[in-house]
Amino acid sequence: MSTLPAKQRGSSEPAETREEKFRRLAAICSAETAYVSSTTELVAHPAFQEIVRMGPPIIPLILREVQNRSGHWHRALRQITGADPVPVADRGNMDKAAEAWLRWGKEQGYEW
């Protein structure tokens, strides 16, 4: 099976869902940035940028990833929302950052 989305393959297969696209891009980004220590390089990765361009509809998907502690998704959330609920004292602490974003998500009415 091709790894390209259906609309790029020109087939009659249904296009991937928003969640499928997010999962595909997240897997690519994770695999290709696994050994990247630079935040600048991470956020500049094409798959990361495509996730950010997906915009507010994927916030619940990202919050689910934050809840599962799978990656540095707070950077995408900051770019998509313009918010930064992580107190300065907690920056660099992934657990505290996750708690702040999950609290923010609940306050904004997101369900994941």
PDB file of N, CA and C in Angstrom:
ATOM      1  N   MET A   1       0.846  -1.186   0.000  1.00  0.00           N
ATOM      2  CA  MET A   1       0.000   0.000   0.000  1.00  0.00           C
ATOM      3  C   MET A   1       0.883   1.238   0.000  1.00  0.00           C
ATOM      4  N   SER A   2       0.505   2.242  -0.731  1.00  0.00           N
ATOM      5  CA  SER A   2       1.267   3.485  -0.829  1.00  0.00           C
ATOM      6  C   SER A   2       1.183   4.274   0.471  1.00  0.00           C
ATOM      7  N   THR A   3       2.230   5.010   0.788  1.00  0.00           N
ATOM      8  CA  THR A   3       2.208   5.862   1.975  1.00  0.00           C
ATOM      9  C   THR A   3       1.679   7.246   1.664  1.00  0.00           C
ATOM     10  N   LEU A   4       1.413   7.546   0.395  1.00  0.00           N
ATOM     11  CA  LEU A   4       0.865   8.846   0.021  1.00  0.00           C
ATOM     12  C   LEU A   4      -0.628   8.880   0.308  1.00  0.00           C
ATOM     13  N   PRO A   5      -1.148  10.053   0.697  1.00  0.00           N
ATOM     14  CA  PRO A   5      -2.603  10.176   0.876  1.00  0.00           C
ATOM     15  C   PRO A   5      -3.321   9.892  -0.431  1.00  0.00           C
ATOM     16  N   ALA A   6      -4.554   9.425  -0.346  1.00  0.00           N
ATOM     17  CA  ALA A   6      -5.332   9.021  -1.513  1.00  0.00           C
ATOM     18  C   ALA A   6      -5.410  10.114  -2.563  1.00  0.00           C
ATOM     19  N   LYS A   7      -5.623  11.370  -2.162  1.00  0.00           N
ATOM     20  CA  LYS A   7      -5.772  12.414  -3.165  1.00  0.00           C
ATOM     21  C   LYS A   7      -4.479  12.646  -3.940  1.00  0.00           C
ATOM     22  N   GLN A   8      -3.317  12.312  -3.361  1.00  0.00           N
ATOM     23  CA  GLN A   8      -2.059  12.443  -4.076  1.00  0.00           C
ATOM     24  C   GLN A   8      -1.806  11.224  -4.969  1.00  0.00           C
ATOM     25  N   ARG A   9      -2.404  10.087  -4.639  1.00  0.00           N
ATOM     26  CA  ARG A   9      -2.235   8.877  -5.435  1.00  0.00           C
ATOM     27  C   ARG A   9      -3.144   8.898  -6.656  1.00  0.00           C
ATOM     28  N   GLY A  10      -4.174   9.734  -6.621  1.00  0.00           N
ATOM     29  CA  GLY A  10      -5.111   9.780  -7.725  1.00  0.00           C
ATOM     30  C   GLY A  10      -6.037   8.580  -7.750  1.00  0.00           C
ATOM     31  N   SER A  11      -6.195   7.914  -6.622  1.00  0.00           N
ATOM     32  CA  SER A  11      -7.052   6.730  -6.567  1.00  0.00           C
ATOM     33  C   SER A  11      -8.441   7.108  -6.083  1.00  0.00           C
ATOM     34  N   SER A  12      -9.308   6.129  -6.086  1.00  0.00           N
ATOM     35  CA  SER A  12     -10.664   6.360  -5.606  1.00  0.00           C
ATOM     36  C   SER A  12     -10.793   6.055  -4.114  1.00  0.00           C
ATOM     37  N   GLU A  13      -9.673   5.747  -3.464  1.00  0.00           N
ATOM     38  CA  GLU A  13      -9.714   5.517  -2.020  1.00  0.00           C
ATOM     39  C   GLU A  13     -10.093   6.821  -1.328  1.00  0.00           C
ATOM     40  N   PRO A  14     -10.808   6.735  -0.207  1.00  0.00           N
ATOM     41  CA  PRO A  14     -11.197   7.966   0.492  1.00  0.00           C
ATOM     42  C   PRO A  14      -9.955   8.704   1.015  1.00  0.00           C
ATOM     43  N   ALA A  15     -10.047  10.026   1.038  1.00  0.00           N
ATOM     44  CA  ALA A  15      -8.951  10.840   1.575  1.00  0.00           C
ATOM     45  C   ALA A  15      -8.807  10.541   3.062  1.00  0.00           C
ATOM     46  N   GLU A  16      -7.617  10.741   3.576  1.00  0.00           N
ATOM     47  CA  GLU A  16      -7.399  10.469   4.990  1.00  0.00           C
ATOM     48  C   GLU A  16      -8.155  11.474   5.853  1.00  0.00           C
ATOM     49  N   THR A  17      -8.546  11.032   7.026  1.00  0.00           N
ATOM     50  CA  THR A  17      -9.240  11.909   7.963  1.00  0.00           C
ATOM     51  C   THR A  17      -8.228  12.863   8.589  1.00  0.00           C
ATOM     52  N   ARG A  18      -8.734  13.869   9.264  1.00  0.00           N
ATOM     53  CA  ARG A  18      -7.877  14.823   9.972  1.00  0.00           C
ATOM     54  C   ARG A  18      -6.987  14.085  10.974  1.00  0.00           C
ATOM     55  N   GLU A  19      -7.582  13.133  11.705  1.00  0.00           N
ATOM     56  CA  GLU A  19      -6.795  12.391  12.690  1.00  0.00           C
ATOM     57  C   GLU A  19      -5.738  11.527  12.015  1.00  0.00           C
ATOM     58  N   GLU A  20      -6.086  10.875  10.913  1.00  0.00           N
ATOM     59  CA  GLU A  20      -5.105  10.063  10.195  1.00  0.00           C
ATOM     60  C   GLU A  20      -3.944  10.921   9.692  1.00  0.00           C
ATOM     61  N   LYS A  21      -4.275  12.089   9.175  1.00  0.00           N
ATOM     62  CA  LYS A  21      -3.228  12.990   8.693  1.00  0.00           C
ATOM     63  C   LYS A  21      -2.329  13.420   9.844  1.00  0.00           C
ATOM     64  N   PHE A  22      -2.953  13.783  10.969  1.00  0.00           N
ATOM     65  CA  PHE A  22      -2.166  14.177  12.138  1.00  0.00           C
ATOM     66  C   PHE A  22      -1.245  13.043  12.581  1.00  0.00           C
ATOM     67  N   ARG A  23      -1.776  11.839  12.689  1.00  0.00           N
ATOM     68  CA  ARG A  23      -0.978  10.683  13.121  1.00  0.00           C
ATOM     69  C   ARG A  23       0.180  10.423  12.154  1.00  0.00           C
ATOM     70  N   ARG A  24      -0.101  10.503  10.846  1.00  0.00           N
ATOM     71  CA  ARG A  24       0.935  10.277   9.845  1.00  0.00           C
ATOM     72  C   ARG A  24       2.042  11.320   9.977  1.00  0.00           C
ATOM     73  N   LEU A  25       1.659  12.582  10.066  1.00  0.00           N
ATOM     74  CA  LEU A  25       2.649  13.655  10.183  1.00  0.00           C
ATOM     75  C   LEU A  25       3.413  13.567  11.502  1.00  0.00           C
ATOM     76  N   ALA A  26       2.715  13.238  12.585  1.00  0.00           N
ATOM     77  CA  ALA A  26       3.371  13.113  13.888  1.00  0.00           C
ATOM     78  C   ALA A  26       4.401  11.989  13.857  1.00  0.00           C
ATOM     79  N   ALA A  27       4.069  10.881  13.197  1.00  0.00           N
ATOM     80  CA  ALA A  27       5.008   9.758  13.100  1.00  0.00           C
ATOM     81  C   ALA A  27       6.236  10.147  12.294  1.00  0.00           C
ATOM     82  N   ILE A  28       6.025  10.856  11.200  1.00  0.00           N
ATOM     83  CA  ILE A  28       7.157  11.314  10.384  1.00  0.00           C
ATOM     84  C   ILE A  28       8.032  12.257  11.194  1.00  0.00           C
ATOM     85  N   CYS A  29       7.409  13.228  11.836  1.00  0.00           N
ATOM     86  CA  CYS A  29       8.160  14.212  12.617  1.00  0.00           C
ATOM     87  C   CYS A  29       8.942  13.525  13.735  1.00  0.00           C
ATOM     88  N   SER A  30       8.294  12.628  14.428  1.00  0.00           N
ATOM     89  CA  SER A  30       8.952  11.917  15.527  1.00  0.00           C
ATOM     90  C   SER A  30      10.150  11.111  15.032  1.00  0.00           C
ATOM     91  N   ALA A  31       9.962  10.388  13.947  1.00  0.00           N
ATOM     92  CA  ALA A  31      11.043   9.553  13.414  1.00  0.00           C
ATOM     93  C   ALA A  31      12.211  10.388  12.916  1.00  0.00           C
ATOM     94  N   GLU A  32      11.897  11.496  12.272  1.00  0.00           N
ATOM     95  CA  GLU A  32      12.951  12.290  11.653  1.00  0.00           C
ATOM     96  C   GLU A  32      13.597  13.312  12.596  1.00  0.00           C
ATOM     97  N   THR A  33      13.027  13.487  13.776  1.00  0.00           N
ATOM     98  CA  THR A  33      13.621  14.429  14.737  1.00  0.00           C
ATOM     99  C   THR A  33      14.014  13.749  16.048  1.00  0.00           C
ATOM    100  N   ALA A  34      14.010  12.428  16.053  1.00  0.00           N
ATOM    101  CA  ALA A  34      14.295  11.679  17.285  1.00  0.00           C
ATOM    102  C   ALA A  34      15.628  12.059  17.914  1.00  0.00           C
ATOM    103  N   TYR A  35      16.594  12.405  17.101  1.00  0.00           N
ATOM    104  CA  TYR A  35      17.924  12.721  17.634  1.00  0.00           C
ATOM    105  C   TYR A  35      18.267  14.203  17.489  1.00  0.00           C
ATOM    106  N   VAL A  36      17.248  15.018  17.270  1.00  0.00           N
ATOM    107  CA  VAL A  36      17.455  16.460  17.147  1.00  0.00           C
ATOM    108  C   VAL A  36      17.323  17.093  18.522  1.00  0.00           C
ATOM    109  N   SER A  37      18.344  17.817  18.946  1.00  0.00           N
ATOM    110  CA  SER A  37      18.276  18.466  20.256  1.00  0.00           C
ATOM    111  C   SER A  37      17.868  19.932  20.154  1.00  0.00           C
ATOM    112  N   SER A  38      17.886  20.473  18.954  1.00  0.00           N
ATOM    113  CA  SER A  38      17.564  21.880  18.743  1.00  0.00           C
ATOM    114  C   SER A  38      16.060  22.084  18.587  1.00  0.00           C
ATOM    115  N   THR A  39      15.498  22.906  19.456  1.00  0.00           N
ATOM    116  CA  THR A  39      14.085  23.239  19.342  1.00  0.00           C
ATOM    117  C   THR A  39      13.812  23.935  18.020  1.00  0.00           C
ATOM    118  N   THR A  40      14.731  24.765  17.595  1.00  0.00           N
ATOM    119  CA  THR A  40      14.584  25.479  16.327  1.00  0.00           C
ATOM    120  C   THR A  40      14.455  24.500  15.166  1.00  0.00           C
ATOM    121  N   GLU A  41      15.298  23.463  15.161  1.00  0.00           N
ATOM    122  CA  GLU A  41      15.212  22.447  14.097  1.00  0.00           C
ATOM    123  C   GLU A  41      13.912  21.658  14.187  1.00  0.00           C
ATOM    124  N   LEU A  42      13.496  21.333  15.404  1.00  0.00           N
ATOM    125  CA  LEU A  42      12.266  20.568  15.594  1.00  0.00           C
ATOM    126  C   LEU A  42      11.070  21.321  15.029  1.00  0.00           C
ATOM    127  N   VAL A  43      10.907  22.582  15.412  1.00  0.00           N
ATOM    128  CA  VAL A  43       9.730  23.330  14.964  1.00  0.00           C
ATOM    129  C   VAL A  43       9.821  23.712  13.486  1.00  0.00           C
ATOM    130  N   ALA A  44      11.013  23.671  12.908  1.00  0.00           N
ATOM    131  CA  ALA A  44      11.173  23.977  11.488  1.00  0.00           C
ATOM    132  C   ALA A  44      10.923  22.754  10.600  1.00  0.00           C
ATOM    133  N   HIS A  45      10.807  21.571  11.197  1.00  0.00           N
ATOM    134  CA  HIS A  45      10.606  20.357  10.405  1.00  0.00           C
ATOM    135  C   HIS A  45       9.317  20.487   9.591  1.00  0.00           C
ATOM    136  N   PRO A  46       9.353  20.104   8.318  1.00  0.00           N
ATOM    137  CA  PRO A  46       8.166  20.245   7.462  1.00  0.00           C
ATOM    138  C   PRO A  46       6.911  19.558   8.010  1.00  0.00           C
ATOM    139  N   ALA A  47       7.056  18.381   8.603  1.00  0.00           N
ATOM    140  CA  ALA A  47       5.871  17.690   9.145  1.00  0.00           C
ATOM    141  C   ALA A  47       5.310  18.452  10.345  1.00  0.00           C
ATOM    142  N   PHE A  48       6.181  18.988  11.197  1.00  0.00           N
ATOM    143  CA  PHE A  48       5.734  19.786  12.339  1.00  0.00           C
ATOM    144  C   PHE A  48       4.991  21.017  11.831  1.00  0.00           C
ATOM    145  N   GLN A  49       5.555  21.682  10.833  1.00  0.00           N
ATOM    146  CA  GLN A  49       4.922  22.881  10.288  1.00  0.00           C
ATOM    147  C   GLN A  49       3.571  22.561   9.644  1.00  0.00           C
ATOM    148  N   GLU A  50       3.479  21.412   9.003  1.00  0.00           N
ATOM    149  CA  GLU A  50       2.197  21.027   8.408  1.00  0.00           C
ATOM    150  C   GLU A  50       1.154  20.759   9.491  1.00  0.00           C
ATOM    151  N   ILE A  51       1.580  20.172  10.603  1.00  0.00           N
ATOM    152  CA  ILE A  51       0.671  19.957  11.731  1.00  0.00           C
ATOM    153  C   ILE A  51       0.166  21.303  12.236  1.00  0.00           C
ATOM    154  N   VAL A  52       1.054  22.248  12.418  1.00  0.00           N
ATOM    155  CA  VAL A  52       0.659  23.577  12.897  1.00  0.00           C
ATOM    156  C   VAL A  52      -0.329  24.221  11.918  1.00  0.00           C
ATOM    157  N   ARG A  53      -0.091  24.066  10.623  1.00  0.00           N
ATOM    158  CA  ARG A  53      -0.990  24.647   9.622  1.00  0.00           C
ATOM    159  C   ARG A  53      -2.381  24.010   9.649  1.00  0.00           C
ATOM    160  N   MET A  54      -2.505  22.835  10.241  1.00  0.00           N
ATOM    161  CA  MET A  54      -3.825  22.211  10.353  1.00  0.00           C
ATOM    162  C   MET A  54      -4.724  23.020  11.287  1.00  0.00           C
ATOM    163  N   GLY A  55      -4.123  23.817  12.152  1.00  0.00           N
ATOM    164  CA  GLY A  55      -4.857  24.782  12.957  1.00  0.00           C
ATOM    165  C   GLY A  55      -5.686  24.240  14.102  1.00  0.00           C
ATOM    166  N   PRO A  56      -6.588  25.089  14.614  1.00  0.00           N
ATOM    167  CA  PRO A  56      -7.378  24.763  15.808  1.00  0.00           C
ATOM    168  C   PRO A  56      -8.143  23.441  15.785  1.00  0.00           C
ATOM    169  N   PRO A  57      -8.605  22.940  14.633  1.00  0.00           N
ATOM    170  CA  PRO A  57      -9.336  21.664  14.675  1.00  0.00           C
ATOM    171  C   PRO A  57      -8.529  20.490  15.251  1.00  0.00           C
ATOM    172  N   ILE A  58      -7.206  20.591  15.253  1.00  0.00           N
ATOM    173  CA  ILE A  58      -6.431  19.462  15.778  1.00  0.00           C
ATOM    174  C   ILE A  58      -6.007  19.649  17.233  1.00  0.00           C
ATOM    175  N   ILE A  59      -6.429  20.735  17.853  1.00  0.00           N
ATOM    176  CA  ILE A  59      -6.063  20.951  19.261  1.00  0.00           C
ATOM    177  C   ILE A  59      -6.446  19.759  20.137  1.00  0.00           C
ATOM    178  N   PRO A  60      -7.647  19.186  20.017  1.00  0.00           N
ATOM    179  CA  PRO A  60      -7.960  18.013  20.854  1.00  0.00           C
ATOM    180  C   PRO A  60      -7.006  16.844  20.622  1.00  0.00           C
ATOM    181  N   LEU A  61      -6.581  16.634  19.383  1.00  0.00           N
ATOM    182  CA  LEU A  61      -5.639  15.544  19.093  1.00  0.00           C
ATOM    183  C   LEU A  61      -4.293  15.807  19.761  1.00  0.00           C
ATOM    184  N   ILE A  62      -3.861  17.045  19.710  1.00  0.00           N
ATOM    185  CA  ILE A  62      -2.583  17.391  20.349  1.00  0.00           C
ATOM    186  C   ILE A  62      -2.702  17.282  21.864  1.00  0.00           C
ATOM    187  N   LEU A  63      -3.822  17.718  22.422  1.00  0.00           N
ATOM    188  CA  LEU A  63      -4.000  17.606  23.881  1.00  0.00           C
ATOM    189  C   LEU A  63      -3.992  16.144  24.326  1.00  0.00           C
ATOM    190  N   ARG A  64      -4.517  15.262  23.490  1.00  0.00           N
ATOM    191  CA  ARG A  64      -4.463  13.824  23.809  1.00  0.00           C
ATOM    192  C   ARG A  64      -3.008  13.358  23.860  1.00  0.00           C
ATOM    193  N   GLU A  65      -2.192  13.842  22.915  1.00  0.00           N
ATOM    194  CA  GLU A  65      -0.774  13.493  22.918  1.00  0.00           C
ATOM    195  C   GLU A  65      -0.082  14.064  24.156  1.00  0.00           C
ATOM    196  N   VAL A  66      -0.439  15.269  24.526  1.00  0.00           N
ATOM    197  CA  VAL A  66       0.127  15.881  25.736  1.00  0.00           C
ATOM    198  C   VAL A  66      -0.241  15.038  26.952  1.00  0.00           C
ATOM    199  N   GLN A  67      -1.490  14.610  27.010  1.00  0.00           N
ATOM    200  CA  GLN A  67      -1.942  13.778  28.131  1.00  0.00           C
ATOM    201  C   GLN A  67      -1.160  12.467  28.196  1.00  0.00           C
ATOM    202  N   ASN A  68      -0.812  11.919  27.047  1.00  0.00           N
ATOM    203  CA  ASN A  68      -0.053  10.671  26.988  1.00  0.00           C
ATOM    204  C   ASN A  68       1.450  10.888  27.116  1.00  0.00           C
ATOM    205  N   ARG A  69       1.846  12.144  27.281  1.00  0.00           N
ATOM    206  CA  ARG A  69       3.258  12.531  27.442  1.00  0.00           C
ATOM    207  C   ARG A  69       4.118  12.047  26.274  1.00  0.00           C
ATOM    208  N   SER A  70       3.588  12.210  25.067  1.00  0.00           N
ATOM    209  CA  SER A  70       4.328  11.721  23.900  1.00  0.00           C
ATOM    210  C   SER A  70       4.862  12.879  23.055  1.00  0.00           C
ATOM    211  N   GLY A  71       5.876  13.524  23.529  1.00  0.00           N
ATOM    212  CA  GLY A  71       6.517  14.547  22.705  1.00  0.00           C
ATOM    213  C   GLY A  71       6.403  15.948  23.242  1.00  0.00           C
ATOM    214  N   HIS A  72       6.901  16.851  22.465  1.00  0.00           N
ATOM    215  CA  HIS A  72       6.968  18.262  22.836  1.00  0.00           C
ATOM    216  C   HIS A  72       5.856  19.046  22.146  1.00  0.00           C
ATOM    217  N   TRP A  73       4.641  18.639  22.361  1.00  0.00           N
ATOM    218  CA  TRP A  73       3.511  19.221  21.650  1.00  0.00           C
ATOM    219  C   TRP A  73       3.147  20.610  22.119  1.00  0.00           C
ATOM    220  N   HIS A  74       3.666  21.034  23.269  1.00  0.00           N
ATOM    221  CA  HIS A  74       3.335  22.379  23.733  1.00  0.00           C
ATOM    222  C   HIS A  74       3.813  23.439  22.747  1.00  0.00           C
ATOM    223  N   ARG A  75       4.858  23.142  21.991  1.00  0.00           N
ATOM    224  CA  ARG A  75       5.354  24.094  20.989  1.00  0.00           C
ATOM    225  C   ARG A  75       4.333  24.282  19.867  1.00  0.00           C
ATOM    226  N   ALA A  76       3.718  23.200  19.433  1.00  0.00           N
ATOM    227  CA  ALA A  76       2.679  23.298  18.397  1.00  0.00           C
ATOM    228  C   ALA A  76       1.453  24.019  18.956  1.00  0.00           C
ATOM    229  N   LEU A  77       1.089  23.695  20.178  1.00  0.00           N
ATOM    230  CA  LEU A  77      -0.057  24.357  20.784  1.00  0.00           C
ATOM    231  C   LEU A  77       0.159  25.864  20.884  1.00  0.00           C
ATOM    232  N   ARG A  78       1.351  26.273  21.278  1.00  0.00           N
ATOM    233  CA  ARG A  78       1.654  27.712  21.359  1.00  0.00           C
ATOM    234  C   ARG A  78       1.507  28.374  19.994  1.00  0.00           C
ATOM    235  N   GLN A  79       2.011  27.728  18.961  1.00  0.00           N
ATOM    236  CA  GLN A  79       1.932  28.318  17.624  1.00  0.00           C
ATOM    237  C   GLN A  79       0.501  28.374  17.107  1.00  0.00           C
ATOM    238  N   ILE A  80      -0.278  27.352  17.384  1.00  0.00           N
ATOM    239  CA  ILE A  80      -1.660  27.302  16.895  1.00  0.00           C
ATOM    240  C   ILE A  80      -2.549  28.262  17.663  1.00  0.00           C
ATOM    241  N   THR A  81      -2.410  28.298  18.990  1.00  0.00           N
ATOM    242  CA  THR A  81      -3.346  29.050  19.825  1.00  0.00           C
ATOM    243  C   THR A  81      -2.901  30.472  20.146  1.00  0.00           C
ATOM    244  N   GLY A  82      -1.602  30.714  20.119  1.00  0.00           N
ATOM    245  CA  GLY A  82      -1.095  32.011  20.560  1.00  0.00           C
ATOM    246  C   GLY A  82      -1.060  32.118  22.073  1.00  0.00           C
ATOM    247  N   ALA A  83      -1.460  31.060  22.765  1.00  0.00           N
ATOM    248  CA  ALA A  83      -1.476  31.033  24.231  1.00  0.00           C
ATOM    249  C   ALA A  83      -0.201  30.383  24.759  1.00  0.00           C
ATOM    250  N   ASP A  84       0.091  30.655  26.002  1.00  0.00           N
ATOM    251  CA  ASP A  84       1.196  29.980  26.692  1.00  0.00           C
ATOM    252  C   ASP A  84       0.867  29.920  28.177  1.00  0.00           C
ATOM    253  N   PRO A  85       0.104  28.883  28.572  1.00  0.00           N
ATOM    254  CA  PRO A  85      -0.328  28.789  29.963  1.00  0.00           C
ATOM    255  C   PRO A  85       0.738  28.274  30.927  1.00  0.00           C
ATOM    256  N   VAL A  86       1.931  27.979  30.444  1.00  0.00           N
ATOM    257  CA  VAL A  86       2.980  27.418  31.298  1.00  0.00           C
ATOM    258  C   VAL A  86       3.680  28.557  32.033  1.00  0.00           C
ATOM    259  N   PRO A  87       3.613  28.558  33.362  1.00  0.00           N
ATOM    260  CA  PRO A  87       4.303  29.599  34.122  1.00  0.00           C
ATOM    261  C   PRO A  87       5.807  29.568  33.850  1.00  0.00           C
ATOM    262  N   VAL A  88       6.423  30.718  33.870  1.00  0.00           N
ATOM    263  CA  VAL A  88       7.856  30.826  33.601  1.00  0.00           C
ATOM    264  C   VAL A  88       8.644  29.856  34.473  1.00  0.00           C
ATOM    265  N   ALA A  89       8.269  29.731  35.731  1.00  0.00           N
ATOM    266  CA  ALA A  89       8.989  28.852  36.662  1.00  0.00           C
ATOM    267  C   ALA A  89       8.914  27.383  36.257  1.00  0.00           C
ATOM    268  N   ASP A  90       7.906  27.020  35.458  1.00  0.00           N
ATOM    269  CA  ASP A  90       7.716  25.619  35.074  1.00  0.00           C
ATOM    270  C   ASP A  90       8.249  25.292  33.680  1.00  0.00           C
ATOM    271  N   ARG A  91       8.763  26.279  32.983  1.00  0.00           N
ATOM    272  CA  ARG A  91       9.299  26.022  31.641  1.00  0.00           C
ATOM    273  C   ARG A  91      10.493  25.088  31.740  1.00  0.00           C
ATOM    274  N   GLY A  92      10.542  24.125  30.855  1.00  0.00           N
ATOM    275  CA  GLY A  92      11.598  23.126  30.887  1.00  0.00           C
ATOM    276  C   GLY A  92      11.192  21.877  31.653  1.00  0.00           C
ATOM    277  N   ASN A  93      10.115  21.958  32.440  1.00  0.00           N
ATOM    278  CA  ASN A  93       9.596  20.806  33.180  1.00  0.00           C
ATOM    279  C   ASN A  93       8.424  20.246  32.371  1.00  0.00           C
ATOM    280  N   MET A  94       8.670  19.151  31.666  1.00  0.00           N
ATOM    281  CA  MET A  94       7.660  18.596  30.764  1.00  0.00           C
ATOM    282  C   MET A  94       6.364  18.207  31.478  1.00  0.00           C
ATOM    283  N   ASP A  95       6.476  17.672  32.690  1.00  0.00           N
ATOM    284  CA  ASP A  95       5.269  17.296  33.422  1.00  0.00           C
ATOM    285  C   ASP A  95       4.436  18.523  33.788  1.00  0.00           C
ATOM    286  N   LYS A  96       5.091  19.559  34.268  1.00  0.00           N
ATOM    287  CA  LYS A  96       4.384  20.792  34.646  1.00  0.00           C
ATOM    288  C   LYS A  96       3.796  21.471  33.407  1.00  0.00           C
ATOM    289  N   ALA A  97       4.555  21.460  32.305  1.00  0.00           N
ATOM    290  CA  ALA A  97       4.057  22.046  31.056  1.00  0.00           C
ATOM    291  C   ALA A  97       2.814  21.292  30.585  1.00  0.00           C
ATOM    292  N   ALA A  98       2.864  19.968  30.646  1.00  0.00           N
ATOM    293  CA  ALA A  98       1.713  19.152  30.244  1.00  0.00           C
ATOM    294  C   ALA A  98       0.503  19.470  31.115  1.00  0.00           C
ATOM    295  N   GLU A  99       0.704  19.553  32.415  1.00  0.00           N
ATOM    296  CA  GLU A  99      -0.402  19.871  33.328  1.00  0.00           C
ATOM    297  C   GLU A  99      -1.017  21.223  32.989  1.00  0.00           C
ATOM    298  N   ALA A 100      -0.167  22.214  32.704  1.00  0.00           N
ATOM    299  CA  ALA A 100      -0.666  23.552  32.376  1.00  0.00           C
ATOM    300  C   ALA A 100      -1.479  23.541  31.090  1.00  0.00           C
ATOM    301  N   TRP A 101      -0.998  22.822  30.067  1.00  0.00           N
ATOM    302  CA  TRP A 101      -1.736  22.773  28.803  1.00  0.00           C
ATOM    303  C   TRP A 101      -3.039  21.996  28.943  1.00  0.00           C
ATOM    304  N   LEU A 102      -3.034  20.921  29.709  1.00  0.00           N
ATOM    305  CA  LEU A 102      -4.267  20.155  29.900  1.00  0.00           C
ATOM    306  C   LEU A 102      -5.296  20.979  30.668  1.00  0.00           C
ATOM    307  N   ARG A 103      -4.838  21.715  31.660  1.00  0.00           N
ATOM    308  CA  ARG A 103      -5.729  22.610  32.402  1.00  0.00           C
ATOM    309  C   ARG A 103      -6.302  23.678  31.459  1.00  0.00           C
ATOM    310  N   TRP A 104      -5.431  24.251  30.632  1.00  0.00           N
ATOM    311  CA  TRP A 104      -5.860  25.247  29.653  1.00  0.00           C
ATOM    312  C   TRP A 104      -6.918  24.654  28.722  1.00  0.00           C
ATOM    313  N   GLY A 105      -6.657  23.444  28.228  1.00  0.00           N
ATOM    314  CA  GLY A 105      -7.598  22.796  27.321  1.00  0.00           C
ATOM    315  C   GLY A 105      -8.968  22.617  27.950  1.00  0.00           C
ATOM    316  N   LYS A 106      -9.009  22.198  29.194  1.00  0.00           N
ATOM    317  CA  LYS A 106     -10.293  22.028  29.892  1.00  0.00           C
ATOM    318  C   LYS A 106     -10.981  23.375  30.070  1.00  0.00           C
ATOM    319  N   GLU A 107     -10.203  24.395  30.431  1.00  0.00           N
ATOM    320  CA  GLU A 107     -10.776  25.732  30.614  1.00  0.00           C
ATOM    321  C   GLU A 107     -11.352  26.285  29.310  1.00  0.00           C
ATOM    322  N   GLN A 108     -10.770  25.884  28.187  1.00  0.00           N
ATOM    323  CA  GLN A 108     -11.244  26.334  26.874  1.00  0.00           C
ATOM    324  C   GLN A 108     -12.370  25.476  26.326  1.00  0.00           C
ATOM    325  N   GLY A 109     -12.718  24.413  27.060  1.00  0.00           N
ATOM    326  CA  GLY A 109     -13.825  23.556  26.653  1.00  0.00           C
ATOM    327  C   GLY A 109     -13.470  22.438  25.676  1.00  0.00           C
ATOM    328  N   TYR A 110     -12.189  22.153  25.533  1.00  0.00           N
ATOM    329  CA  TYR A 110     -11.778  21.061  24.631  1.00  0.00           C
ATOM    330  C   TYR A 110     -11.969  19.714  25.308  1.00  0.00           C
ATOM    331  N   GLU A 111     -12.364  18.740  24.500  1.00  0.00           N
ATOM    332  CA  GLU A 111     -12.447  17.351  24.943  1.00  0.00           C
ATOM    333  C   GLU A 111     -11.540  16.522  24.060  1.00  0.00           C
ATOM    334  N   TRP A 112     -10.870  15.569  24.662  1.00  0.00           N
ATOM    335  CA  TRP A 112      -9.968  14.737  23.863  1.00  0.00           C
ATOM    336  C   TRP A 112     -10.041  13.318  24.278  1.00  0.00           C
TER     337      TRP A 112
END
